[in-house]
Amino acid sequence: MNKKRNRLEVIRDILEVIRNKSGRIKPTHILYKSNLSYQMMEEYLSELITKGFIREKKQSKGKTYLITDKGLNYLNQYRMIADFTSSFGLE
């Protein structure tokens, strides 16, 4: 059985989805690839924009989200902590 993701894991998943799409992605793709409800996705995206992890770019055909340097730094730091805890069997 899969365990529920915690808040930091959801943030990591959203940022990884954006990074893996060349740093730019439409909200529909985030919704499907991060496995969130629309409401939850909107809440996370709003928080990530406010905190400077991503930027929203409005275009004539909707909007896209771009990962910032701060968002990339979060992913790097998250990976380092995950590797550290894993090396001690604390995952």
N, C-alpha and C. Protein backbone atom coordinates (compact mmCIF):
# COMPACT_ATOMS: atom_id res chain seq x y z
N MET A 1 0.85 -1.18 0.00
CA MET A 1 0.00 0.00 0.00
C MET A 1 0.90 1.25 0.00
N ASN A 2 0.53 2.23 -0.80
CA ASN A 2 1.30 3.47 -0.86
C ASN A 2 0.95 4.36 0.32
N LYS A 3 1.99 5.00 0.86
CA LYS A 3 1.71 5.94 1.95
C LYS A 3 1.41 7.30 1.35
N LYS A 4 0.69 8.11 2.12
CA LYS A 4 0.38 9.45 1.65
C LYS A 4 1.65 10.30 1.60
N ARG A 5 1.70 11.17 0.61
CA ARG A 5 2.84 12.08 0.52
C ARG A 5 2.65 13.21 1.52
N ASN A 6 3.75 13.63 2.11
CA ASN A 6 3.65 14.79 2.98
C ASN A 6 3.78 16.06 2.14
N ARG A 7 3.61 17.18 2.76
CA ARG A 7 3.61 18.48 2.08
C ARG A 7 4.90 18.72 1.29
N LEU A 8 6.04 18.41 1.90
CA LEU A 8 7.32 18.65 1.23
C LEU A 8 7.50 17.74 0.02
N GLU A 9 6.96 16.53 0.09
CA GLU A 9 7.04 15.62 -1.05
C GLU A 9 6.15 16.10 -2.20
N VAL A 10 5.00 16.65 -1.89
CA VAL A 10 4.12 17.19 -2.93
C VAL A 10 4.79 18.37 -3.62
N ILE A 11 5.40 19.25 -2.82
CA ILE A 11 6.12 20.39 -3.40
C ILE A 11 7.25 19.90 -4.29
N ARG A 12 7.99 18.90 -3.82
CA ARG A 12 9.06 18.32 -4.64
C ARG A 12 8.51 17.78 -5.95
N ASP A 13 7.39 17.05 -5.87
CA ASP A 13 6.80 16.47 -7.08
C ASP A 13 6.38 17.54 -8.08
N ILE A 14 5.76 18.61 -7.60
CA ILE A 14 5.34 19.69 -8.50
C ILE A 14 6.56 20.34 -9.16
N LEU A 15 7.58 20.64 -8.36
CA LEU A 15 8.78 21.28 -8.91
C LEU A 15 9.51 20.36 -9.88
N GLU A 16 9.55 19.06 -9.60
CA GLU A 16 10.18 18.12 -10.52
C GLU A 16 9.42 18.02 -11.83
N VAL A 17 8.10 18.05 -11.76
CA VAL A 17 7.29 18.01 -12.98
C VAL A 17 7.61 19.22 -13.86
N ILE A 18 7.71 20.39 -13.24
CA ILE A 18 8.02 21.60 -14.01
C ILE A 18 9.43 21.52 -14.57
N ARG A 19 10.39 21.11 -13.74
CA ARG A 19 11.78 21.03 -14.20
C ARG A 19 11.93 20.02 -15.33
N ASN A 20 11.24 18.90 -15.25
CA ASN A 20 11.37 17.86 -16.26
C ASN A 20 10.75 18.27 -17.60
N LYS A 21 9.93 19.29 -17.60
CA LYS A 21 9.35 19.81 -18.85
C LYS A 21 10.10 21.06 -19.29
N SER A 22 11.40 21.03 -19.18
CA SER A 22 12.27 22.15 -19.58
C SER A 22 11.99 23.42 -18.77
N GLY A 23 11.49 23.26 -17.57
CA GLY A 23 11.27 24.41 -16.70
C GLY A 23 10.03 25.21 -17.01
N ARG A 24 9.17 24.73 -17.91
CA ARG A 24 7.95 25.45 -18.30
C ARG A 24 6.85 24.43 -18.58
N ILE A 25 5.68 24.63 -17.95
CA ILE A 25 4.62 23.64 -18.10
C ILE A 25 3.24 24.29 -17.93
N LYS A 26 2.25 23.71 -18.59
CA LYS A 26 0.87 24.17 -18.44
C LYS A 26 0.26 23.54 -17.20
N PRO A 27 -0.73 24.20 -16.60
CA PRO A 27 -1.32 23.68 -15.37
C PRO A 27 -1.95 22.29 -15.51
N THR A 28 -2.51 21.98 -16.66
CA THR A 28 -3.12 20.67 -16.86
C THR A 28 -2.10 19.55 -16.69
N HIS A 29 -0.90 19.77 -17.21
CA HIS A 29 0.16 18.77 -17.09
C HIS A 29 0.60 18.60 -15.64
N ILE A 30 0.66 19.72 -14.90
CA ILE A 30 1.00 19.64 -13.48
C ILE A 30 -0.06 18.81 -12.76
N LEU A 31 -1.30 19.07 -13.08
CA LEU A 31 -2.42 18.37 -12.44
C LEU A 31 -2.28 16.85 -12.61
N TYR A 32 -2.07 16.40 -13.83
CA TYR A 32 -1.99 14.98 -14.10
C TYR A 32 -0.71 14.34 -13.56
N LYS A 33 0.40 14.99 -13.78
CA LYS A 33 1.68 14.39 -13.42
C LYS A 33 1.98 14.43 -11.93
N SER A 34 1.39 15.38 -11.21
CA SER A 34 1.63 15.43 -9.76
C SER A 34 0.55 14.71 -8.97
N ASN A 35 -0.48 14.22 -9.66
CA ASN A 35 -1.54 13.43 -9.04
C ASN A 35 -2.23 14.18 -7.90
N LEU A 36 -2.69 15.39 -8.19
CA LEU A 36 -3.40 16.22 -7.22
C LEU A 36 -4.78 16.57 -7.75
N SER A 37 -5.67 16.91 -6.85
CA SER A 37 -6.96 17.45 -7.28
C SER A 37 -6.72 18.88 -7.77
N TYR A 38 -7.66 19.40 -8.52
CA TYR A 38 -7.51 20.76 -9.05
C TYR A 38 -7.37 21.77 -7.91
N GLN A 39 -8.20 21.63 -6.89
CA GLN A 39 -8.17 22.57 -5.77
C GLN A 39 -6.84 22.52 -5.03
N MET A 40 -6.34 21.31 -4.79
CA MET A 40 -5.06 21.18 -4.09
C MET A 40 -3.92 21.74 -4.94
N MET A 41 -3.97 21.47 -6.25
CA MET A 41 -2.94 22.00 -7.13
C MET A 41 -2.93 23.52 -7.09
N GLU A 42 -4.09 24.14 -7.15
CA GLU A 42 -4.19 25.59 -7.11
C GLU A 42 -3.61 26.15 -5.81
N GLU A 43 -3.89 25.49 -4.70
CA GLU A 43 -3.37 25.95 -3.41
C GLU A 43 -1.84 25.87 -3.38
N TYR A 44 -1.30 24.76 -3.85
CA TYR A 44 0.16 24.60 -3.87
C TYR A 44 0.81 25.59 -4.83
N LEU A 45 0.24 25.76 -6.01
CA LEU A 45 0.82 26.69 -6.98
C LEU A 45 0.81 28.11 -6.45
N SER A 46 -0.28 28.49 -5.80
CA SER A 46 -0.37 29.83 -5.22
C SER A 46 0.73 30.04 -4.18
N GLU A 47 0.92 29.04 -3.32
CA GLU A 47 1.96 29.14 -2.29
C GLU A 47 3.35 29.20 -2.92
N LEU A 48 3.59 28.37 -3.92
CA LEU A 48 4.90 28.34 -4.56
C LEU A 48 5.21 29.65 -5.29
N ILE A 49 4.20 30.28 -5.86
CA ILE A 49 4.38 31.58 -6.50
C ILE A 49 4.72 32.63 -5.44
N THR A 50 3.93 32.65 -4.36
CA THR A 50 4.13 33.61 -3.28
C THR A 50 5.53 33.51 -2.69
N LYS A 51 6.03 32.28 -2.56
CA LYS A 51 7.34 32.06 -1.94
C LYS A 51 8.49 32.11 -2.94
N GLY A 52 8.18 32.32 -4.21
CA GLY A 52 9.22 32.52 -5.21
C GLY A 52 9.84 31.25 -5.79
N PHE A 53 9.18 30.11 -5.63
CA PHE A 53 9.70 28.86 -6.18
C PHE A 53 9.37 28.71 -7.67
N ILE A 54 8.24 29.29 -8.06
CA ILE A 54 7.82 29.25 -9.46
C ILE A 54 7.27 30.63 -9.86
N ARG A 55 7.17 30.84 -11.17
CA ARG A 55 6.54 32.05 -11.71
C ARG A 55 5.42 31.62 -12.64
N GLU A 56 4.38 32.45 -12.69
CA GLU A 56 3.29 32.21 -13.61
C GLU A 56 3.45 33.17 -14.78
N LYS A 57 3.34 32.63 -15.98
CA LYS A 57 3.44 33.46 -17.18
C LYS A 57 2.13 33.34 -17.94
N LYS A 58 1.39 34.45 -18.03
CA LYS A 58 0.11 34.44 -18.74
C LYS A 58 0.37 34.68 -20.22
N GLN A 59 -0.31 33.89 -21.04
CA GLN A 59 -0.18 33.99 -22.48
C GLN A 59 -1.57 34.06 -23.09
N SER A 60 -1.62 34.30 -24.38
CA SER A 60 -2.92 34.41 -25.04
C SER A 60 -3.72 33.10 -24.96
N LYS A 61 -3.02 31.97 -24.91
CA LYS A 61 -3.69 30.67 -24.85
C LYS A 61 -3.59 30.06 -23.46
N GLY A 62 -3.73 30.85 -22.43
CA GLY A 62 -3.69 30.32 -21.07
C GLY A 62 -2.46 30.78 -20.32
N LYS A 63 -1.96 29.91 -19.46
CA LYS A 63 -0.80 30.28 -18.67
C LYS A 63 0.13 29.08 -18.53
N THR A 64 1.38 29.39 -18.26
CA THR A 64 2.37 28.36 -17.99
C THR A 64 3.08 28.72 -16.70
N TYR A 65 3.73 27.72 -16.12
CA TYR A 65 4.48 27.92 -14.90
C TYR A 65 5.94 27.61 -15.16
N LEU A 66 6.80 28.44 -14.61
CA LEU A 66 8.23 28.29 -14.78
C LEU A 66 8.89 28.14 -13.42
N ILE A 67 9.88 27.26 -13.33
CA ILE A 67 10.59 27.08 -12.08
C ILE A 67 11.67 28.15 -11.97
N THR A 68 11.87 28.67 -10.78
CA THR A 68 12.88 29.70 -10.54
C THR A 68 14.15 29.05 -9.98
N ASP A 69 15.19 29.86 -9.83
CA ASP A 69 16.42 29.37 -9.22
C ASP A 69 16.16 28.88 -7.80
N LYS A 70 15.28 29.56 -7.09
CA LYS A 70 14.93 29.16 -5.73
C LYS A 70 14.26 27.78 -5.74
N GLY A 71 13.41 27.53 -6.72
CA GLY A 71 12.77 26.22 -6.85
C GLY A 71 13.78 25.12 -7.17
N LEU A 72 14.73 25.42 -8.06
CA LEU A 72 15.78 24.46 -8.38
C LEU A 72 16.65 24.18 -7.16
N ASN A 73 16.94 25.22 -6.38
CA ASN A 73 17.73 25.05 -5.17
C ASN A 73 16.99 24.16 -4.18
N TYR A 74 15.67 24.33 -4.06
CA TYR A 74 14.87 23.47 -3.18
C TYR A 74 15.03 22.01 -3.58
N LEU A 75 14.93 21.73 -4.89
CA LEU A 75 15.07 20.35 -5.35
C LEU A 75 16.44 19.77 -5.00
N ASN A 76 17.48 20.56 -5.18
CA ASN A 76 18.83 20.11 -4.86
C ASN A 76 18.98 19.82 -3.36
N GLN A 77 18.47 20.72 -2.53
CA GLN A 77 18.56 20.54 -1.09
C GLN A 77 17.69 19.37 -0.63
N TYR A 78 16.53 19.21 -1.23
CA TYR A 78 15.64 18.09 -0.89
C TYR A 78 16.34 16.77 -1.18
N ARG A 79 16.96 16.69 -2.35
CA ARG A 79 17.67 15.47 -2.75
C ARG A 79 18.79 15.16 -1.75
N MET A 80 19.52 16.17 -1.33
CA MET A 80 20.62 15.98 -0.39
C MET A 80 20.09 15.43 0.95
N ILE A 81 18.99 16.00 1.45
CA ILE A 81 18.41 15.54 2.71
C ILE A 81 17.86 14.12 2.55
N ALA A 82 17.21 13.84 1.43
CA ALA A 82 16.66 12.50 1.20
C ALA A 82 17.78 11.46 1.14
N ASP A 83 18.88 11.79 0.48
CA ASP A 83 20.02 10.88 0.42
C ASP A 83 20.62 10.66 1.80
N PHE A 84 20.71 11.72 2.59
CA PHE A 84 21.25 11.64 3.95
C PHE A 84 20.39 10.73 4.82
N THR A 85 19.09 10.94 4.83
CA THR A 85 18.22 10.13 5.68
C THR A 85 18.19 8.69 5.20
N SER A 86 18.24 8.49 3.89
CA SER A 86 18.26 7.16 3.33
C SER A 86 19.53 6.41 3.74
N SER A 87 20.66 7.09 3.77
CA SER A 87 21.92 6.44 4.12
C SER A 87 21.93 5.92 5.56
N PHE A 88 21.06 6.45 6.41
CA PHE A 88 20.96 6.00 7.78
C PHE A 88 19.71 5.13 8.00
N GLY A 89 19.02 4.80 6.91
CA GLY A 89 17.83 3.96 7.00
C GLY A 89 16.65 4.65 7.67
N LEU A 90 16.55 5.97 7.52
CA LEU A 90 15.51 6.73 8.18
C LEU A 90 14.39 7.18 7.24
N GLU A 91 14.28 6.59 6.10
CA GLU A 91 13.29 7.03 5.13
C GLU A 91 11.90 6.64 5.48
